[in-house]
Amino acid sequence: MATRRPKKPELTAAADSLADAARHVGQAVSQKGDQIGAAAASELDKAKQSAQTGREKASRKFETLLNKVEKQLKKSIGEAKKSLHRVVRDADKRLQEAKKAAQANLKSVQSAAKAKAAPPKTMAKKAPLKTTAAKKAVVKKAAAKQAPAKKAAVKRAAAPKAAG
C-alpha cells in the first residue's frame, strides 16, 4: 500500500507542526511533573529532617530534664535519710533520759515504800492506837444511849393523835 500524499502541502506542514507541538507539550508537561515530584520529594525530605531534628532536640531536652529530676530526687532521698537518722537518734536520747528518770522515780518510790513498811521501833506510836480504840468505844456507847431517847419521843408524839 502506498501512502497517500495530501494534495495540499500546507496542511501537511501544519499537521506536522501540530504533532511536534503536541510532542513538545507532552515532554514539557512530563518534565514539569518530574520537577514538581522532585520538589515535593525534596520538601518531604526537609520536613522529615526537620521532624527528626525536632524529635532529637526534644529527646535531648527530655533526657536533660529527666537527669535533673533524678539528681534532685537523689538529693531529697539523701536529706530524708539524714533527717530520719537524726529523728531516730533524738528519740533514742529521749528514751534513755526517760528510762533514767523512771529508774530514779522507781528507786525513790521503793525507798519510800521500805520506809513505810518498816515496823515502828518506839512504844509511843502504839499508845495512840489504843486511845483511838477507846474513843471509838465511848462514841458507840453514847450513840446507843441516844437511840432509846429518840424512840420515846416518837412514842409520845404518836400518843396524842391516838387519843384524839
C-alpha atoms as a PDB file:
ATOM      1  CA  MET A   1       0.000   0.000   0.000  1.00  0.00           C
ATOM      2  CA  ALA A   2       1.164   3.206  -0.835  1.00  0.00           C
ATOM      3  CA  THR A   3       0.992   6.103   1.454  1.00  0.00           C
ATOM      4  CA  ARG A   4      -1.187   8.792   0.352  1.00  0.00           C
ATOM      5  CA  ARG A   5       0.187  12.219  -0.029  1.00  0.00           C
ATOM      6  CA  PRO A   6      -2.090  15.081   0.633  1.00  0.00           C
ATOM      7  CA  LYS A   7      -2.643  17.356  -2.187  1.00  0.00           C
ATOM      8  CA  LYS A   8      -2.094  20.450  -0.054  1.00  0.00           C
ATOM      9  CA  PRO A   9       1.406  20.647   1.397  1.00  0.00           C
ATOM     10  CA  GLU A  10       0.432  23.456   3.788  1.00  0.00           C
ATOM     11  CA  LEU A  11      -1.983  21.195   5.591  1.00  0.00           C
ATOM     12  CA  THR A  12       0.669  18.550   5.825  1.00  0.00           C
ATOM     13  CA  ALA A  13       3.130  21.035   7.287  1.00  0.00           C
ATOM     14  CA  ALA A  14       0.529  22.281   9.764  1.00  0.00           C
ATOM     15  CA  ALA A  15      -0.273  18.709  10.836  1.00  0.00           C
ATOM     16  CA  ASP A  16       3.402  18.012  11.309  1.00  0.00           C
ATOM     17  CA  SER A  17       3.786  21.245  13.304  1.00  0.00           C
ATOM     18  CA  LEU A  18       0.843  20.329  15.481  1.00  0.00           C
ATOM     19  CA  ALA A  19       2.280  16.850  16.080  1.00  0.00           C
ATOM     20  CA  ASP A  20       5.640  18.389  17.028  1.00  0.00           C
ATOM     21  CA  ALA A  21       3.930  20.912  19.278  1.00  0.00           C
ATOM     22  CA  ALA A  22       1.910  18.169  20.940  1.00  0.00           C
ATOM     23  CA  ARG A  23       5.063  16.164  21.485  1.00  0.00           C
ATOM     24  CA  HIS A  24       6.843  19.233  22.947  1.00  0.00           C
ATOM     25  CA  VAL A  25       3.866  19.999  25.196  1.00  0.00           C
ATOM     26  CA  GLY A  26       3.828  16.350  26.353  1.00  0.00           C
ATOM     27  CA  GLN A  27       7.533  16.484  27.096  1.00  0.00           C
ATOM     28  CA  ALA A  28       7.166  19.843  28.925  1.00  0.00           C
ATOM     29  CA  VAL A  29       4.258  18.538  30.999  1.00  0.00           C
ATOM     30  CA  SER A  30       6.240  15.391  31.778  1.00  0.00           C
ATOM     31  CA  GLN A  31       9.278  17.456  32.764  1.00  0.00           C
ATOM     32  CA  LYS A  32       7.120  19.776  34.940  1.00  0.00           C
ATOM     33  CA  GLY A  33       5.568  16.728  36.594  1.00  0.00           C
ATOM     34  CA  ASP A  34       9.057  15.348  37.302  1.00  0.00           C
ATOM     35  CA  GLN A  35      10.170  18.744  38.627  1.00  0.00           C
ATOM     36  CA  ILE A  36       7.087  19.003  40.875  1.00  0.00           C
ATOM     37  CA  GLY A  37       7.688  15.425  42.106  1.00  0.00           C
ATOM     38  CA  ALA A  38      11.350  16.199  42.794  1.00  0.00           C
ATOM     39  CA  ALA A  39      10.417  19.419  44.599  1.00  0.00           C
ATOM     40  CA  ALA A  40       7.786  17.571  46.632  1.00  0.00           C
ATOM     41  CA  ALA A  41      10.270  14.831  47.497  1.00  0.00           C
ATOM     42  CA  SER A  42      12.827  17.476  48.458  1.00  0.00           C
ATOM     43  CA  GLU A  43      10.305  19.284  50.666  1.00  0.00           C
ATOM     44  CA  LEU A  44       9.245  15.969  52.199  1.00  0.00           C
ATOM     45  CA  ASP A  45      12.877  15.140  52.947  1.00  0.00           C
ATOM     46  CA  LYS A  46      13.304  18.578  54.530  1.00  0.00           C
ATOM     47  CA  ALA A  47      10.183  18.057  56.621  1.00  0.00           C
ATOM     48  CA  LYS A  48      11.408  14.596  57.684  1.00  0.00           C
ATOM     49  CA  GLN A  49      14.811  16.021  58.572  1.00  0.00           C
ATOM     50  CA  SER A  50      13.205  18.886  60.496  1.00  0.00           C
ATOM     51  CA  ALA A  51      10.904  16.481  62.337  1.00  0.00           C
ATOM     52  CA  GLN A  52      13.806  14.185  63.144  1.00  0.00           C
ATOM     53  CA  THR A  53      15.896  17.139  64.308  1.00  0.00           C
ATOM     54  CA  GLY A  54      12.993  18.399  66.399  1.00  0.00           C
ATOM     55  CA  ARG A  55      12.452  14.928  67.833  1.00  0.00           C
ATOM     56  CA  GLU A  56      16.143  14.595  68.673  1.00  0.00           C
ATOM     57  CA  LYS A  57      16.122  18.062  70.226  1.00  0.00           C
ATOM     58  CA  ALA A  58      13.018  17.217  72.253  1.00  0.00           C
ATOM     59  CA  SER A  59      14.593  13.918  73.258  1.00  0.00           C
ATOM     60  CA  ARG A  60      17.743  15.699  74.429  1.00  0.00           C
ATOM     61  CA  LYS A  61      15.658  18.223  76.375  1.00  0.00           C
ATOM     62  CA  PHE A  62      13.651  15.407  77.933  1.00  0.00           C
ATOM     63  CA  GLU A  63      16.795  13.489  78.887  1.00  0.00           C
ATOM     64  CA  THR A  64      18.325  16.642  80.367  1.00  0.00           C
ATOM     65  CA  LEU A  65      15.175  17.321  82.364  1.00  0.00           C
ATOM     66  CA  LEU A  66      14.978  13.677  83.443  1.00  0.00           C
ATOM     67  CA  ASN A  67      18.596  13.734  84.647  1.00  0.00           C
ATOM     68  CA  LYS A  68      17.936  16.959  86.558  1.00  0.00           C
ATOM     69  CA  VAL A  69      14.874  15.448  88.251  1.00  0.00           C
ATOM     70  CA  GLU A  70      16.814  12.278  89.115  1.00  0.00           C
ATOM     71  CA  LYS A  71      19.583  14.350  90.720  1.00  0.00           C
ATOM     72  CA  GLN A  72      17.029  16.312  92.761  1.00  0.00           C
ATOM     73  CA  LEU A  73      15.331  13.072  93.787  1.00  0.00           C
ATOM     74  CA  LYS A  74      18.623  11.541  94.922  1.00  0.00           C
ATOM     75  CA  LYS A  75      19.413  14.694  96.890  1.00  0.00           C
ATOM     76  CA  SER A  76      15.967  14.677  98.520  1.00  0.00           C
ATOM     77  CA  ILE A  77      16.291  10.997  99.408  1.00  0.00           C
ATOM     78  CA  GLY A  78      19.688  11.658 100.989  1.00  0.00           C
ATOM     79  CA  GLU A  79      18.301  14.566 103.008  1.00  0.00           C
ATOM     80  CA  ALA A  80      15.309  12.482 104.093  1.00  0.00           C
ATOM     81  CA  LYS A  81      17.612   9.676 105.259  1.00  0.00           C
ATOM     82  CA  LYS A  82      19.707  12.137 107.242  1.00  0.00           C
ATOM     83  CA  SER A  83      16.599  13.658 108.790  1.00  0.00           C
ATOM     84  CA  LEU A  84      15.238  10.217 109.650  1.00  0.00           C
ATOM     85  CA  HIS A  85      18.529   9.207 111.290  1.00  0.00           C
ATOM     86  CA  ARG A  86      18.532  12.466 113.245  1.00  0.00           C
ATOM     87  CA  VAL A  87      14.965  11.884 114.457  1.00  0.00           C
ATOM     88  CA  VAL A  88      15.760   8.296 115.469  1.00  0.00           C
ATOM     89  CA  ARG A  89      18.881   9.431 117.300  1.00  0.00           C
ATOM     90  CA  ASP A  90      16.927  12.145 119.159  1.00  0.00           C
ATOM     91  CA  ALA A  91      14.188   9.647 120.032  1.00  0.00           C
ATOM     92  CA  ASP A  92      16.800   7.231 121.407  1.00  0.00           C
ATOM     93  CA  LYS A  93      18.273  10.011 123.555  1.00  0.00           C
ATOM     94  CA  ARG A  94      14.822  10.903 124.895  1.00  0.00           C
ATOM     95  CA  LEU A  95      14.105   7.238 125.565  1.00  0.00           C
ATOM     96  CA  GLN A  96      17.338   6.859 127.523  1.00  0.00           C
ATOM     97  CA  GLU A  97      16.538  10.013 129.504  1.00  0.00           C
ATOM     98  CA  ALA A  98      13.044   8.718 130.233  1.00  0.00           C
ATOM     99  CA  LYS A  99      14.468   5.368 131.358  1.00  0.00           C
ATOM    100  CA  LYS A 100      16.864   7.131 133.705  1.00  0.00           C
ATOM    101  CA  ALA A 101      14.080   9.294 135.110  1.00  0.00           C
ATOM    102  CA  ALA A 102      11.809   6.268 135.545  1.00  0.00           C
ATOM    103  CA  GLN A 103      14.556   4.352 137.317  1.00  0.00           C
ATOM    104  CA  ALA A 104      15.195   7.308 139.610  1.00  0.00           C
ATOM    105  CA  ASN A 105      11.444   7.549 140.389  1.00  0.00           C
ATOM    106  CA  LEU A 106      11.298   3.801 140.971  1.00  0.00           C
ATOM    107  CA  LYS A 107      14.201   3.961 143.396  1.00  0.00           C
ATOM    108  CA  SER A 108      12.598   6.835 145.303  1.00  0.00           C
ATOM    109  CA  VAL A 109       9.249   5.027 145.441  1.00  0.00           C
ATOM    110  CA  GLN A 110      10.929   1.815 146.583  1.00  0.00           C
ATOM    111  CA  SER A 111      12.846   3.628 149.305  1.00  0.00           C
ATOM    112  CA  ALA A 112       9.636   5.369 150.441  1.00  0.00           C
ATOM    113  CA  ALA A 113       7.812   2.027 150.494  1.00  0.00           C
ATOM    114  CA  LYS A 114      10.602   0.457 152.546  1.00  0.00           C
ATOM    115  CA  ALA A 115      10.457   3.351 154.990  1.00  0.00           C
ATOM    116  CA  LYS A 116       6.667   2.947 155.436  1.00  0.00           C
ATOM    117  CA  ALA A 117       6.855  -0.830 155.701  1.00  0.00           C
ATOM    118  CA  ALA A 118       9.468  -0.763 158.487  1.00  0.00           C
ATOM    119  CA  PRO A 119       7.861  -1.584 161.880  1.00  0.00           C
ATOM    120  CA  PRO A 120       7.802   1.241 164.412  1.00  0.00           C
ATOM    121  CA  LYS A 121      10.527   0.825 166.985  1.00  0.00           C
ATOM    122  CA  THR A 122       9.172   3.184 169.625  1.00  0.00           C
ATOM    123  CA  MET A 123       6.320   2.492 172.030  1.00  0.00           C
ATOM    124  CA  ALA A 124       4.949   5.996 171.744  1.00  0.00           C
ATOM    125  CA  LYS A 125       3.427   5.190 168.362  1.00  0.00           C
ATOM    126  CA  LYS A 126       1.498   2.184 169.763  1.00  0.00           C
ATOM    127  CA  ALA A 127      -0.127   4.154 172.569  1.00  0.00           C
ATOM    128  CA  PRO A 128      -2.199   6.451 170.325  1.00  0.00           C
ATOM    129  CA  LEU A 129      -3.683   3.395 168.650  1.00  0.00           C
ATOM    130  CA  LYS A 130      -5.144   2.242 171.978  1.00  0.00           C
ATOM    131  CA  THR A 131      -6.565   5.665 172.750  1.00  0.00           C
ATOM    132  CA  THR A 132      -8.342   5.843 169.408  1.00  0.00           C
ATOM    133  CA  ALA A 133      -9.883   2.428 170.046  1.00  0.00           C
ATOM    134  CA  ALA A 134     -11.075   3.649 173.468  1.00  0.00           C
ATOM    135  CA  LYS A 135     -12.546   6.814 171.896  1.00  0.00           C
ATOM    136  CA  LYS A 136     -14.438   4.725 169.342  1.00  0.00           C
ATOM    137  CA  ALA A 137     -15.911   2.616 172.146  1.00  0.00           C
ATOM    138  CA  VAL A 138     -17.083   5.732 174.038  1.00  0.00           C
ATOM    139  CA  VAL A 139     -18.737   7.099 170.871  1.00  0.00           C
ATOM    140  CA  LYS A 140     -20.580   3.800 170.324  1.00  0.00           C
ATOM    141  CA  LYS A 141     -21.886   3.801 173.896  1.00  0.00           C
ATOM    142  CA  ALA A 142     -23.136   7.389 173.551  1.00  0.00           C
ATOM    143  CA  ALA A 143     -24.919   6.581 170.308  1.00  0.00           C
ATOM    144  CA  ALA A 144     -26.602   3.595 171.929  1.00  0.00           C
ATOM    145  CA  LYS A 145     -27.914   5.751 174.792  1.00  0.00           C
ATOM    146  CA  GLN A 146     -29.341   8.388 172.411  1.00  0.00           C
ATOM    147  CA  ALA A 147     -31.282   5.912 170.302  1.00  0.00           C
ATOM    148  CA  PRO A 148     -33.837   4.914 173.055  1.00  0.00           C
ATOM    149  CA  ALA A 149     -34.496   8.585 173.846  1.00  0.00           C
ATOM    150  CA  LYS A 150     -35.475   9.215 170.227  1.00  0.00           C
ATOM    151  CA  LYS A 151     -37.822   6.209 170.302  1.00  0.00           C
ATOM    152  CA  ALA A 152     -39.571   7.561 173.421  1.00  0.00           C
ATOM    153  CA  ALA A 153     -40.036  10.973 171.780  1.00  0.00           C
ATOM    154  CA  VAL A 154     -41.630   9.335 168.761  1.00  0.00           C
ATOM    155  CA  LYS A 155     -43.994   7.324 171.020  1.00  0.00           C
ATOM    156  CA  ARG A 156     -45.072  10.490 172.912  1.00  0.00           C
ATOM    157  CA  ALA A 157     -45.840  12.319 169.661  1.00  0.00           C
ATOM    158  CA  ALA A 158     -47.932   9.417 168.397  1.00  0.00           C
ATOM    159  CA  ALA A 159     -49.942   9.054 171.643  1.00  0.00           C
ATOM    160  CA  PRO A 160     -51.983  12.345 171.465  1.00  0.00           C
ATOM    161  CA  LYS A 161     -53.158  11.524 167.948  1.00  0.00           C
ATOM    162  CA  ALA A 162     -54.475   8.139 169.065  1.00  0.00           C
ATOM    163  CA  ALA A 163     -56.336   9.733 171.999  1.00  0.00           C
ATOM    164  CA  GLY A 164     -57.961  12.409 169.900  1.00  0.00           C
END
